[in-house]
């Protein structure tokens, strides 16, 4: 079973930055997209940013212009650079990898906590 290992979360002051990383433990076959999701307390999980094999990226409206997703296609390593963080960005951030964003056989990381203090 493939595991997605996330790192880089933590506590940061508003206006600060964090960089998340996601590394698969093994090769993922038929992998076409990797993404970051987040879930805040009492809220549904939402898409933060996604990156396809073809280099296309898309972002949630609330993070556009502040967050940047990047991916090492060869190693399938995924990063999320988060700048200008605010309290609304406080959530558990999850890495996802699969054939598409709705892939029921896709893989999820265990989540990494990001807390932004105001």
PDB file of N, CA and C in Angstrom:
ATOM      1  N   UNK A   1       0.835  -1.182   0.000  1.00  0.00           N
ATOM      2  CA  UNK A   1       0.000   0.000   0.000  1.00  0.00           C
ATOM      3  C   UNK A   1       0.882   1.248   0.000  1.00  0.00           C
ATOM      4  N   UNK A   2       0.628   2.130  -0.953  1.00  0.00           N
ATOM      5  CA  UNK A   2       1.406   3.358  -1.043  1.00  0.00           C
ATOM      6  C   UNK A   2       1.003   4.312   0.071  1.00  0.00           C
ATOM      7  N   UNK A   3       1.965   4.952   0.650  1.00  0.00           N
ATOM      8  CA  UNK A   3       1.709   5.987   1.650  1.00  0.00           C
ATOM      9  C   UNK A   3       2.220   7.321   1.121  1.00  0.00           C
ATOM     10  N   UNK A   4       1.469   8.367   1.409  1.00  0.00           N
ATOM     11  CA  UNK A   4       1.904   9.727   1.086  1.00  0.00           C
ATOM     12  C   UNK A   4       2.351  10.371   2.390  1.00  0.00           C
ATOM     13  N   UNK A   5       3.608  10.739   2.437  1.00  0.00           N
ATOM     14  CA  UNK A   5       4.180  11.280   3.672  1.00  0.00           C
ATOM     15  C   UNK A   5       4.279  12.795   3.542  1.00  0.00           C
ATOM     16  N   UNK A   6       3.549  13.479   4.398  1.00  0.00           N
ATOM     17  CA  UNK A   6       3.516  14.943   4.378  1.00  0.00           C
ATOM     18  C   UNK A   6       4.416  15.515   5.456  1.00  0.00           C
ATOM     19  N   UNK A   7       4.913  16.703   5.208  1.00  0.00           N
ATOM     20  CA  UNK A   7       5.721  17.412   6.195  1.00  0.00           C
ATOM     21  C   UNK A   7       5.620  18.908   5.937  1.00  0.00           C
ATOM     22  N   UNK A   8       6.059  19.695   6.917  1.00  0.00           N
ATOM     23  CA  UNK A   8       6.143  21.133   6.727  1.00  0.00           C
ATOM     24  C   UNK A   8       5.088  21.948   7.440  1.00  0.00           C
ATOM     25  N   UNK A   9       4.110  21.296   8.040  1.00  0.00           N
ATOM     26  CA  UNK A   9       3.104  22.045   8.761  1.00  0.00           C
ATOM     27  C   UNK A   9       3.659  22.623  10.058  1.00  0.00           C
ATOM     28  N   UNK A  10       2.856  23.454  10.699  1.00  0.00           N
ATOM     29  CA  UNK A  10       3.289  24.043  11.957  1.00  0.00           C
ATOM     30  C   UNK A  10       2.499  25.274  12.306  1.00  0.00           C
ATOM     31  N   UNK A  11       3.042  26.014  13.243  1.00  0.00           N
ATOM     32  CA  UNK A  11       2.419  27.250  13.729  1.00  0.00           C
ATOM     33  C   UNK A  11       3.165  28.446  13.151  1.00  0.00           C
ATOM     34  N   UNK A  12       2.409  29.384  12.596  1.00  0.00           N
ATOM     35  CA  UNK A  12       3.018  30.566  11.993  1.00  0.00           C
ATOM     36  C   UNK A  12       2.136  31.773  12.273  1.00  0.00           C
ATOM     37  N   UNK A  13       2.738  32.929  12.332  1.00  0.00           N
ATOM     38  CA  UNK A  13       1.966  34.153  12.543  1.00  0.00           C
ATOM     39  C   UNK A  13       1.326  34.595  11.233  1.00  0.00           C
ATOM     40  N   UNK A  14       0.238  35.315  11.365  1.00  0.00           N
ATOM     41  CA  UNK A  14      -0.425  35.851  10.177  1.00  0.00           C
ATOM     42  C   UNK A  14       0.560  36.672   9.356  1.00  0.00           C
ATOM     43  N   UNK A  15       0.498  36.477   8.052  1.00  0.00           N
ATOM     44  CA  UNK A  15       1.424  37.150   7.152  1.00  0.00           C
ATOM     45  C   UNK A  15       2.667  36.334   6.838  1.00  0.00           C
ATOM     46  N   UNK A  16       2.857  35.270   7.577  1.00  0.00           N
ATOM     47  CA  UNK A  16       4.028  34.427   7.385  1.00  0.00           C
ATOM     48  C   UNK A  16       3.856  33.407   6.277  1.00  0.00           C
ATOM     49  N   UNK A  17       4.851  32.531   6.162  1.00  0.00           N
ATOM     50  CA  UNK A  17       4.876  31.534   5.100  1.00  0.00           C
ATOM     51  C   UNK A  17       5.223  30.154   5.653  1.00  0.00           C
ATOM     52  N   UNK A  18       4.746  29.147   4.936  1.00  0.00           N
ATOM     53  CA  UNK A  18       5.109  27.760   5.200  1.00  0.00           C
ATOM     54  C   UNK A  18       5.226  27.042   3.863  1.00  0.00           C
ATOM     55  N   UNK A  19       6.007  25.970   3.870  1.00  0.00           N
ATOM     56  CA  UNK A  19       6.145  25.150   2.661  1.00  0.00           C
ATOM     57  C   UNK A  19       5.882  23.699   3.036  1.00  0.00           C
ATOM     58  N   UNK A  20       4.858  23.128   2.432  1.00  0.00           N
ATOM     59  CA  UNK A  20       4.499  21.739   2.683  1.00  0.00           C
ATOM     60  C   UNK A  20       5.132  20.838   1.630  1.00  0.00           C
ATOM     61  N   UNK A  21       5.422  19.613   2.020  1.00  0.00           N
ATOM     62  CA  UNK A  21       5.961  18.625   1.101  1.00  0.00           C
ATOM     63  C   UNK A  21       5.183  17.322   1.227  1.00  0.00           C
ATOM     64  N   UNK A  22       5.112  16.601   0.130  1.00  0.00           N
ATOM     65  CA  UNK A  22       4.426  15.302   0.095  1.00  0.00           C
ATOM     66  C   UNK A  22       5.270  14.353  -0.740  1.00  0.00           C
ATOM     67  N   UNK A  23       5.640  13.239  -0.143  1.00  0.00           N
ATOM     68  CA  UNK A  23       6.494  12.268  -0.826  1.00  0.00           C
ATOM     69  C   UNK A  23       5.842  10.896  -0.783  1.00  0.00           C
ATOM     70  N   UNK A  24       5.569  10.293  -1.931  1.00  0.00           N
ATOM     71  CA  UNK A  24       5.018   8.927  -1.930  1.00  0.00           C
ATOM     72  C   UNK A  24       6.081   7.912  -1.503  1.00  0.00           C
ATOM     73  N   UNK A  25       5.616   6.850  -0.823  1.00  0.00           N
ATOM     74  CA  UNK A  25       6.546   5.826  -0.354  1.00  0.00           C
ATOM     75  C   UNK A  25       6.936   4.854  -1.455  1.00  0.00           C
ATOM     76  N   UNK A  26       6.158   4.848  -2.554  1.00  0.00           N
ATOM     77  CA  UNK A  26       6.435   3.952  -3.675  1.00  0.00           C
ATOM     78  C   UNK A  26       5.830   4.550  -4.939  1.00  0.00           C
ATOM     79  N   UNK A  27       6.168   3.936  -6.056  1.00  0.00           N
ATOM     80  CA  UNK A  27       5.627   4.411  -7.318  1.00  0.00           C
ATOM     81  C   UNK A  27       4.114   4.200  -7.350  1.00  0.00           C
ATOM     82  N   UNK A  28       3.420   5.201  -7.905  1.00  0.00           N
ATOM     83  CA  UNK A  28       1.969   5.114  -8.048  1.00  0.00           C
ATOM     84  C   UNK A  28       1.650   4.952  -9.524  1.00  0.00           C
ATOM     85  N   UNK A  29       1.043   3.829  -9.871  1.00  0.00           N
ATOM     86  CA  UNK A  29       0.718   3.570 -11.266  1.00  0.00           C
ATOM     87  C   UNK A  29      -0.536   4.338 -11.668  1.00  0.00           C
ATOM     88  N   UNK A  30      -0.574   4.724 -12.937  1.00  0.00           N
ATOM     89  CA  UNK A  30      -1.714   5.476 -13.487  1.00  0.00           C
ATOM     90  C   UNK A  30      -1.942   6.791 -12.737  1.00  0.00           C
ATOM     91  N   UNK A  31      -0.851   7.354 -12.232  1.00  0.00           N
ATOM     92  CA  UNK A  31      -0.939   8.634 -11.539  1.00  0.00           C
ATOM     93  C   UNK A  31      -1.041   9.755 -12.565  1.00  0.00           C
ATOM     94  N   UNK A  32      -2.048  10.586 -12.436  1.00  0.00           N
ATOM     95  CA  UNK A  32      -2.225  11.695 -13.365  1.00  0.00           C
ATOM     96  C   UNK A  32      -2.348  13.044 -12.661  1.00  0.00           C
ATOM     97  N   UNK A  33      -2.703  13.015 -11.382  1.00  0.00           N
ATOM     98  CA  UNK A  33      -2.860  14.287 -10.681  1.00  0.00           C
ATOM     99  C   UNK A  33      -2.437  14.128  -9.227  1.00  0.00           C
ATOM    100  N   UNK A  34      -1.821  15.175  -8.703  1.00  0.00           N
ATOM    101  CA  UNK A  34      -1.536  15.286  -7.275  1.00  0.00           C
ATOM    102  C   UNK A  34      -2.105  16.615  -6.799  1.00  0.00           C
ATOM    103  N   UNK A  35      -2.532  16.616  -5.553  1.00  0.00           N
ATOM    104  CA  UNK A  35      -3.231  17.808  -5.078  1.00  0.00           C
ATOM    105  C   UNK A  35      -3.091  17.963  -3.572  1.00  0.00           C
ATOM    106  N   UNK A  36      -3.393  19.157  -3.134  1.00  0.00           N
ATOM    107  CA  UNK A  36      -3.516  19.466  -1.699  1.00  0.00           C
ATOM    108  C   UNK A  36      -4.971  19.827  -1.413  1.00  0.00           C
ATOM    109  N   UNK A  37      -5.486  19.233  -0.374  1.00  0.00           N
ATOM    110  CA  UNK A  37      -6.788  19.582   0.166  1.00  0.00           C
ATOM    111  C   UNK A  37      -6.577  20.062   1.595  1.00  0.00           C
ATOM    112  N   UNK A  38      -7.587  20.695   2.141  1.00  0.00           N
ATOM    113  CA  UNK A  38      -7.535  21.064   3.547  1.00  0.00           C
ATOM    114  C   UNK A  38      -8.911  20.958   4.167  1.00  0.00           C
ATOM    115  N   UNK A  39      -8.908  20.764   5.470  1.00  0.00           N
ATOM    116  CA  UNK A  39     -10.163  20.695   6.211  1.00  0.00           C
ATOM    117  C   UNK A  39      -9.996  21.429   7.524  1.00  0.00           C
ATOM    118  N   UNK A  40     -10.814  22.458   7.682  1.00  0.00           N
ATOM    119  CA  UNK A  40     -10.829  23.222   8.919  1.00  0.00           C
ATOM    120  C   UNK A  40     -11.896  22.650   9.848  1.00  0.00           C
ATOM    121  N   UNK A  41     -11.789  22.878  11.153  1.00  0.00           N
ATOM    122  CA  UNK A  41     -12.781  22.349  12.096  1.00  0.00           C
ATOM    123  C   UNK A  41     -14.197  22.787  11.735  1.00  0.00           C
ATOM    124  N   UNK A  42     -15.097  21.837  11.641  1.00  0.00           N
ATOM    125  CA  UNK A  42     -16.484  22.136  11.349  1.00  0.00           C
ATOM    126  C   UNK A  42     -16.785  22.431   9.900  1.00  0.00           C
ATOM    127  N   UNK A  43     -15.792  22.276   9.031  1.00  0.00           N
ATOM    128  CA  UNK A  43     -15.990  22.566   7.610  1.00  0.00           C
ATOM    129  C   UNK A  43     -15.684  21.337   6.776  1.00  0.00           C
ATOM    130  N   UNK A  44     -16.187  21.357   5.532  1.00  0.00           N
ATOM    131  CA  UNK A  44     -15.899  20.261   4.616  1.00  0.00           C
ATOM    132  C   UNK A  44     -14.484  20.383   4.047  1.00  0.00           C
ATOM    133  N   UNK A  45     -13.982  19.240   3.628  1.00  0.00           N
ATOM    134  CA  UNK A  45     -12.679  19.239   2.983  1.00  0.00           C
ATOM    135  C   UNK A  45     -12.783  19.993   1.652  1.00  0.00           C
ATOM    136  N   UNK A  46     -11.810  20.851   1.377  1.00  0.00           N
ATOM    137  CA  UNK A  46     -11.835  21.629   0.149  1.00  0.00           C
ATOM    138  C   UNK A  46     -10.515  21.522  -0.592  1.00  0.00           C
ATOM    139  N   UNK A  47     -10.597  21.661  -1.910  1.00  0.00           N
ATOM    140  CA  UNK A  47      -9.405  21.641  -2.742  1.00  0.00           C
ATOM    141  C   UNK A  47      -8.638  22.942  -2.566  1.00  0.00           C
ATOM    142  N   UNK A  48      -7.344  22.798  -2.325  1.00  0.00           N
ATOM    143  CA  UNK A  48      -6.468  23.964  -2.222  1.00  0.00           C
ATOM    144  C   UNK A  48      -5.782  24.205  -3.559  1.00  0.00           C
ATOM    145  N   UNK A  49      -5.139  23.160  -4.087  1.00  0.00           N
ATOM    146  CA  UNK A  49      -4.424  23.290  -5.356  1.00  0.00           C
ATOM    147  C   UNK A  49      -4.178  21.907  -5.929  1.00  0.00           C
ATOM    148  N   UNK A  50      -4.104  21.840  -7.258  1.00  0.00           N
ATOM    149  CA  UNK A  50      -3.877  20.565  -7.936  1.00  0.00           C
ATOM    150  C   UNK A  50      -2.884  20.753  -9.069  1.00  0.00           C
ATOM    151  N   UNK A  51      -2.184  19.667  -9.385  1.00  0.00           N
ATOM    152  CA  UNK A  51      -1.192  19.679 -10.464  1.00  0.00           C
ATOM    153  C   UNK A  51      -1.309  18.393 -11.265  1.00  0.00           C
ATOM    154  N   UNK A  52      -1.473  18.512 -12.581  1.00  0.00           N
ATOM    155  CA  UNK A  52      -1.584  17.340 -13.435  1.00  0.00           C
ATOM    156  C   UNK A  52      -0.229  16.974 -14.050  1.00  0.00           C
ATOM    157  N   UNK A  53      -0.185  15.782 -14.626  1.00  0.00           N
ATOM    158  CA  UNK A  53       1.043  15.333 -15.287  1.00  0.00           C
ATOM    159  C   UNK A  53       1.440  16.269 -16.419  1.00  0.00           C
ATOM    160  N   UNK A  54       0.442  16.869 -17.039  1.00  0.00           N
ATOM    161  CA  UNK A  54       0.718  17.765 -18.160  1.00  0.00           C
ATOM    162  C   UNK A  54       1.159  19.149 -17.747  1.00  0.00           C
ATOM    163  N   UNK A  55       1.270  19.384 -16.442  1.00  0.00           N
ATOM    164  CA  UNK A  55       1.743  20.676 -15.964  1.00  0.00           C
ATOM    165  C   UNK A  55       0.653  21.678 -15.664  1.00  0.00           C
ATOM    166  N   UNK A  56      -0.592  21.263 -15.859  1.00  0.00           N
ATOM    167  CA  UNK A  56      -1.678  22.188 -15.532  1.00  0.00           C
ATOM    168  C   UNK A  56      -1.867  22.272 -14.028  1.00  0.00           C
ATOM    169  N   UNK A  57      -2.190  23.470 -13.560  1.00  0.00           N
ATOM    170  CA  UNK A  57      -2.456  23.677 -12.142  1.00  0.00           C
ATOM    171  C   UNK A  57      -3.766  24.418 -11.979  1.00  0.00           C
ATOM    172  N   UNK A  58      -4.414  24.193 -10.875  1.00  0.00           N
ATOM    173  CA  UNK A  58      -5.584  24.993 -10.532  1.00  0.00           C
ATOM    174  C   UNK A  58      -5.627  25.185  -9.022  1.00  0.00           C
ATOM    175  N   UNK A  59      -6.235  26.289  -8.624  1.00  0.00           N
ATOM    176  CA  UNK A  59      -6.226  26.699  -7.226  1.00  0.00           C
ATOM    177  C   UNK A  59      -7.630  27.029  -6.745  1.00  0.00           C
ATOM    178  N   UNK A  60      -7.829  26.819  -5.451  1.00  0.00           N
ATOM    179  CA  UNK A  60      -9.058  27.295  -4.843  1.00  0.00           C
ATOM    180  C   UNK A  60      -9.060  28.821  -4.836  1.00  0.00           C
ATOM    181  N   UNK A  61     -10.232  29.407  -4.933  1.00  0.00           N
ATOM    182  CA  UNK A  61     -10.326  30.864  -5.032  1.00  0.00           C
ATOM    183  C   UNK A  61      -9.681  31.572  -3.854  1.00  0.00           C
ATOM    184  N   UNK A  62      -9.772  30.985  -2.678  1.00  0.00           N
ATOM    185  CA  UNK A  62      -9.279  31.670  -1.478  1.00  0.00           C
ATOM    186  C   UNK A  62      -7.759  31.700  -1.374  1.00  0.00           C
ATOM    187  N   UNK A  63      -7.065  30.916  -2.198  1.00  0.00           N
ATOM    188  CA  UNK A  63      -5.602  30.867  -2.086  1.00  0.00           C
ATOM    189  C   UNK A  63      -4.902  31.394  -3.332  1.00  0.00           C
ATOM    190  N   UNK A  64      -5.664  31.736  -4.352  1.00  0.00           N
ATOM    191  CA  UNK A  64      -5.046  32.230  -5.591  1.00  0.00           C
ATOM    192  C   UNK A  64      -4.193  33.459  -5.314  1.00  0.00           C
ATOM    193  N   UNK A  65      -2.992  33.463  -5.870  1.00  0.00           N
ATOM    194  CA  UNK A  65      -2.087  34.583  -5.692  1.00  0.00           C
ATOM    195  C   UNK A  65      -1.242  34.498  -4.434  1.00  0.00           C
ATOM    196  N   UNK A  66      -1.577  33.568  -3.547  1.00  0.00           N
ATOM    197  CA  UNK A  66      -0.810  33.416  -2.292  1.00  0.00           C
ATOM    198  C   UNK A  66      -0.097  32.073  -2.202  1.00  0.00           C
ATOM    199  N   UNK A  67      -0.719  31.037  -2.735  1.00  0.00           N
ATOM    200  CA  UNK A  67      -0.159  29.690  -2.671  1.00  0.00           C
ATOM    201  C   UNK A  67       0.336  29.271  -4.045  1.00  0.00           C
ATOM    202  N   UNK A  68       1.399  28.458  -4.046  1.00  0.00           N
ATOM    203  CA  UNK A  68       1.932  27.928  -5.294  1.00  0.00           C
ATOM    204  C   UNK A  68       2.197  26.439  -5.138  1.00  0.00           C
ATOM    205  N   UNK A  69       1.620  25.647  -6.038  1.00  0.00           N
ATOM    206  CA  UNK A  69       1.844  24.206  -6.037  1.00  0.00           C
ATOM    207  C   UNK A  69       2.941  23.895  -7.039  1.00  0.00           C
ATOM    208  N   UNK A  70       3.821  22.975  -6.665  1.00  0.00           N
ATOM    209  CA  UNK A  70       4.877  22.562  -7.582  1.00  0.00           C
ATOM    210  C   UNK A  70       5.102  21.060  -7.436  1.00  0.00           C
ATOM    211  N   UNK A  71       5.607  20.480  -8.503  1.00  0.00           N
ATOM    212  CA  UNK A  71       5.708  19.026  -8.514  1.00  0.00           C
ATOM    213  C   UNK A  71       6.949  18.578  -9.275  1.00  0.00           C
ATOM    214  N   UNK A  72       7.643  17.625  -8.695  1.00  0.00           N
ATOM    215  CA  UNK A  72       8.761  16.961  -9.354  1.00  0.00           C
ATOM    216  C   UNK A  72       8.188  15.707 -10.003  1.00  0.00           C
ATOM    217  N   UNK A  73       7.975  15.766 -11.332  1.00  0.00           N
ATOM    218  CA  UNK A  73       7.317  14.665 -12.015  1.00  0.00           C
ATOM    219  C   UNK A  73       8.105  13.375 -11.876  1.00  0.00           C
ATOM    220  N   UNK A  74       9.419  13.470 -11.922  1.00  0.00           N
ATOM    221  CA  UNK A  74      10.245  12.258 -11.898  1.00  0.00           C
ATOM    222  C   UNK A  74      10.108  11.533 -10.561  1.00  0.00           C
ATOM    223  N   UNK A  75      10.139  12.292  -9.475  1.00  0.00           N
ATOM    224  CA  UNK A  75      10.054  11.682  -8.147  1.00  0.00           C
ATOM    225  C   UNK A  75       8.639  11.721  -7.587  1.00  0.00           C
ATOM    226  N   UNK A  76       7.735  12.385  -8.315  1.00  0.00           N
ATOM    227  CA  UNK A  76       6.357  12.549  -7.846  1.00  0.00           C
ATOM    228  C   UNK A  76       6.303  13.210  -6.477  1.00  0.00           C
ATOM    229  N   UNK A  77       7.224  14.095  -6.220  1.00  0.00           N
ATOM    230  CA  UNK A  77       7.216  14.867  -4.984  1.00  0.00           C
ATOM    231  C   UNK A  77       6.396  16.129  -5.204  1.00  0.00           C
ATOM    232  N   UNK A  78       5.571  16.435  -4.241  1.00  0.00           N
ATOM    233  CA  UNK A  78       4.663  17.572  -4.353  1.00  0.00           C
ATOM    234  C   UNK A  78       4.961  18.583  -3.253  1.00  0.00           C
ATOM    235  N   UNK A  79       4.920  19.865  -3.624  1.00  0.00           N
ATOM    236  CA  UNK A  79       5.121  20.925  -2.642  1.00  0.00           C
ATOM    237  C   UNK A  79       3.982  21.940  -2.720  1.00  0.00           C
ATOM    238  N   UNK A  80       3.804  22.639  -1.616  1.00  0.00           N
ATOM    239  CA  UNK A  80       2.854  23.744  -1.582  1.00  0.00           C
ATOM    240  C   UNK A  80       3.512  24.889  -0.832  1.00  0.00           C
ATOM    241  N   UNK A  81       3.845  25.942  -1.546  1.00  0.00           N
ATOM    242  CA  UNK A  81       4.390  27.146  -0.930  1.00  0.00           C
ATOM    243  C   UNK A  81       3.227  28.050  -0.557  1.00  0.00           C
ATOM    244  N   UNK A  82       3.137  28.357   0.719  1.00  0.00           N
ATOM    245  CA  UNK A  82       2.013  29.158   1.220  1.00  0.00           C
ATOM    246  C   UNK A  82       2.547  30.476   1.769  1.00  0.00           C
ATOM    247  N   UNK A  83       2.148  31.562   1.152  1.00  0.00           N
ATOM    248  CA  UNK A  83       2.571  32.892   1.575  1.00  0.00           C
ATOM    249  C   UNK A  83       1.374  33.710   2.050  1.00  0.00           C
ATOM    250  N   UNK A  84       1.661  34.780   2.751  1.00  0.00           N
ATOM    251  CA  UNK A  84       0.610  35.691   3.244  1.00  0.00           C
ATOM    252  C   UNK A  84      -0.493  34.919   3.954  1.00  0.00           C
ATOM    253  N   UNK A  85      -0.092  34.039   4.838  1.00  0.00           N
ATOM    254  CA  UNK A  85      -1.067  33.202   5.543  1.00  0.00           C
ATOM    255  C   UNK A  85      -1.932  34.036   6.477  1.00  0.00           C
ATOM    256  N   UNK A  86      -3.171  33.620   6.593  1.00  0.00           N
ATOM    257  CA  UNK A  86      -4.076  34.262   7.541  1.00  0.00           C
ATOM    258  C   UNK A  86      -4.819  33.196   8.336  1.00  0.00           C
ATOM    259  N   UNK A  87      -5.592  33.638   9.314  1.00  0.00           N
ATOM    260  CA  UNK A  87      -6.247  32.704  10.234  1.00  0.00           C
ATOM    261  C   UNK A  87      -7.182  31.743   9.502  1.00  0.00           C
ATOM    262  N   UNK A  88      -7.750  32.172   8.387  1.00  0.00           N
ATOM    263  CA  UNK A  88      -8.655  31.313   7.625  1.00  0.00           C
ATOM    264  C   UNK A  88      -7.936  30.143   6.957  1.00  0.00           C
ATOM    265  N   UNK A  89      -6.624  30.194   6.918  1.00  0.00           N
ATOM    266  CA  UNK A  89      -5.860  29.099   6.334  1.00  0.00           C
ATOM    267  C   UNK A  89      -5.587  27.997   7.350  1.00  0.00           C
ATOM    268  N   UNK A  90      -5.961  28.215   8.598  1.00  0.00           N
ATOM    269  CA  UNK A  90      -5.774  27.204   9.629  1.00  0.00           C
ATOM    270  C   UNK A  90      -6.614  25.973   9.311  1.00  0.00           C
ATOM    271  N   UNK A  91      -5.945  24.831   9.188  1.00  0.00           N
ATOM    272  CA  UNK A  91      -6.634  23.595   8.809  1.00  0.00           C
ATOM    273  C   UNK A  91      -5.631  22.449   8.843  1.00  0.00           C
ATOM    274  N   UNK A  92      -6.160  21.251   8.660  1.00  0.00           N
ATOM    275  CA  UNK A  92      -5.302  20.105   8.383  1.00  0.00           C
ATOM    276  C   UNK A  92      -5.185  20.004   6.868  1.00  0.00           C
ATOM    277  N   UNK A  93      -3.971  19.925   6.372  1.00  0.00           N
ATOM    278  CA  UNK A  93      -3.713  19.862   4.940  1.00  0.00           C
ATOM    279  C   UNK A  93      -3.364  18.423   4.555  1.00  0.00           C
ATOM    280  N   UNK A  94      -4.042  17.949   3.513  1.00  0.00           N
ATOM    281  CA  UNK A  94      -3.884  16.571   3.064  1.00  0.00           C
ATOM    282  C   UNK A  94      -3.335  16.535   1.645  1.00  0.00           C
ATOM    283  N   UNK A  95      -2.439  15.618   1.418  1.00  0.00           N
ATOM    284  CA  UNK A  95      -1.921  15.359   0.080  1.00  0.00           C
ATOM    285  C   UNK A  95      -2.759  14.254  -0.563  1.00  0.00           C
ATOM    286  N   UNK A  96      -2.988  14.394  -1.861  1.00  0.00           N
ATOM    287  CA  UNK A  96      -3.756  13.399  -2.607  1.00  0.00           C
ATOM    288  C   UNK A  96      -3.012  13.052  -3.893  1.00  0.00           C
ATOM    289  N   UNK A  97      -3.113  11.803  -4.312  1.00  0.00           N
ATOM    290  CA  UNK A  97      -2.529  11.375  -5.586  1.00  0.00           C
ATOM    291  C   UNK A  97      -3.427  10.317  -6.212  1.00  0.00           C
ATOM    292  N   UNK A  98      -3.726  10.479  -7.511  1.00  0.00           N
ATOM    293  CA  UNK A  98      -4.595   9.513  -8.167  1.00  0.00           C
ATOM    294  C   UNK A  98      -4.724   9.765  -9.649  1.00  0.00           C
ATOM    295  N   UNK A  99      -5.681   9.043 -10.258  1.00  0.00           N
ATOM    296  CA  UNK A  99      -5.910   9.210 -11.676  1.00  0.00           C
ATOM    297  C   UNK A  99      -6.633  10.503 -12.007  1.00  0.00           C
ATOM    298  N   UNK A 100      -7.466  10.947 -11.099  1.00  0.00           N
ATOM    299  CA  UNK A 100      -8.146  12.235 -11.210  1.00  0.00           C
ATOM    300  C   UNK A 100      -8.562  12.651  -9.818  1.00  0.00           C
ATOM    301  N   UNK A 101      -9.102  13.873  -9.688  1.00  0.00           N
ATOM    302  CA  UNK A 101      -9.389  14.395  -8.355  1.00  0.00           C
ATOM    303  C   UNK A 101     -10.477  13.597  -7.645  1.00  0.00           C
ATOM    304  N   UNK A 102     -11.349  12.942  -8.400  1.00  0.00           N
ATOM    305  CA  UNK A 102     -12.401  12.162  -7.779  1.00  0.00           C
ATOM    306  C   UNK A 102     -12.121  10.669  -7.730  1.00  0.00           C
ATOM    307  N   UNK A 103     -10.879  10.293  -7.962  1.00  0.00           N
ATOM    308  CA  UNK A 103     -10.498   8.882  -8.034  1.00  0.00           C
ATOM    309  C   UNK A 103     -10.732   8.173  -6.702  1.00  0.00           C
ATOM    310  N   UNK A 104     -11.679   7.218  -6.650  1.00  0.00           N
ATOM    311  CA  UNK A 104     -11.937   6.519  -5.377  1.00  0.00           C
ATOM    312  C   UNK A 104     -10.781   5.612  -4.971  1.00  0.00           C
ATOM    313  N   UNK A 105      -9.886   5.321  -5.901  1.00  0.00           N
ATOM    314  CA  UNK A 105      -8.717   4.512  -5.581  1.00  0.00           C
ATOM    315  C   UNK A 105      -7.475   5.368  -5.383  1.00  0.00           C
ATOM    316  N   UNK A 106      -7.696   6.648  -5.273  1.00  0.00           N
ATOM    317  CA  UNK A 106      -6.575   7.551  -5.028  1.00  0.00           C
ATOM    318  C   UNK A 106      -6.031   7.392  -3.615  1.00  0.00           C
ATOM    319  N   UNK A 107      -4.846   7.952  -3.410  1.00  0.00           N
ATOM    320  CA  UNK A 107      -4.177   7.826  -2.122  1.00  0.00           C
ATOM    321  C   UNK A 107      -4.192   9.158  -1.375  1.00  0.00           C
ATOM    322  N   UNK A 108      -4.302   9.057  -0.072  1.00  0.00           N
ATOM    323  CA  UNK A 108      -4.334  10.231   0.800  1.00  0.00           C
ATOM    324  C   UNK A 108      -3.217  10.157   1.828  1.00  0.00           C
ATOM    325  N   UNK A 109      -2.661  11.307   2.147  1.00  0.00           N
ATOM    326  CA  UNK A 109      -1.727  11.384   3.246  1.00  0.00           C
ATOM    327  C   UNK A 109      -2.451  11.447   4.572  1.00  0.00           C
ATOM    328  N   UNK A 110      -1.690  11.418   5.637  1.00  0.00           N
ATOM    329  CA  UNK A 110      -2.287  11.407   6.974  1.00  0.00           C
ATOM    330  C   UNK A 110      -2.676  12.806   7.431  1.00  0.00           C
ATOM    331  N   UNK A 111      -2.214  13.810   6.724  1.00  0.00           N
ATOM    332  CA  UNK A 111      -2.542  15.194   7.059  1.00  0.00           C
ATOM    333  C   UNK A 111      -1.457  15.845   7.898  1.00  0.00           C
ATOM    334  N   UNK A 112      -1.294  17.132   7.683  1.00  0.00           N
ATOM    335  CA  UNK A 112      -0.356  17.922   8.482  1.00  0.00           C
ATOM    336  C   UNK A 112      -1.054  19.205   8.921  1.00  0.00           C
ATOM    337  N   UNK A 113      -0.925  19.526  10.183  1.00  0.00           N
ATOM    338  CA  UNK A 113      -1.648  20.667  10.753  1.00  0.00           C
ATOM    339  C   UNK A 113      -0.937  21.978  10.439  1.00  0.00           C
ATOM    340  N   UNK A 114      -1.704  22.921   9.951  1.00  0.00           N
ATOM    341  CA  UNK A 114      -1.221  24.290   9.759  1.00  0.00           C
ATOM    342  C   UNK A 114      -2.065  25.200  10.628  1.00  0.00           C
ATOM    343  N   UNK A 115      -1.419  25.944  11.502  1.00  0.00           N
ATOM    344  CA  UNK A 115      -2.119  26.864  12.395  1.00  0.00           C
ATOM    345  C   UNK A 115      -1.541  28.259  12.224  1.00  0.00           C
ATOM    346  N   UNK A 116      -2.412  29.198  11.905  1.00  0.00           N
ATOM    347  CA  UNK A 116      -1.989  30.587  11.703  1.00  0.00           C
ATOM    348  C   UNK A 116      -2.554  31.418  12.842  1.00  0.00           C
ATOM    349  N   UNK A 117      -1.674  32.041  13.583  1.00  0.00           N
ATOM    350  CA  UNK A 117      -2.097  32.878  14.714  1.00  0.00           C
ATOM    351  C   UNK A 117      -2.249  34.322  14.252  1.00  0.00           C
ATOM    352  N   UNK A 118      -3.311  34.947  14.731  1.00  0.00           N
ATOM    353  CA  UNK A 118      -3.579  36.328  14.307  1.00  0.00           C
ATOM    354  C   UNK A 118      -3.030  37.322  15.310  1.00  0.00           C
TER     355      UNK A 118
END
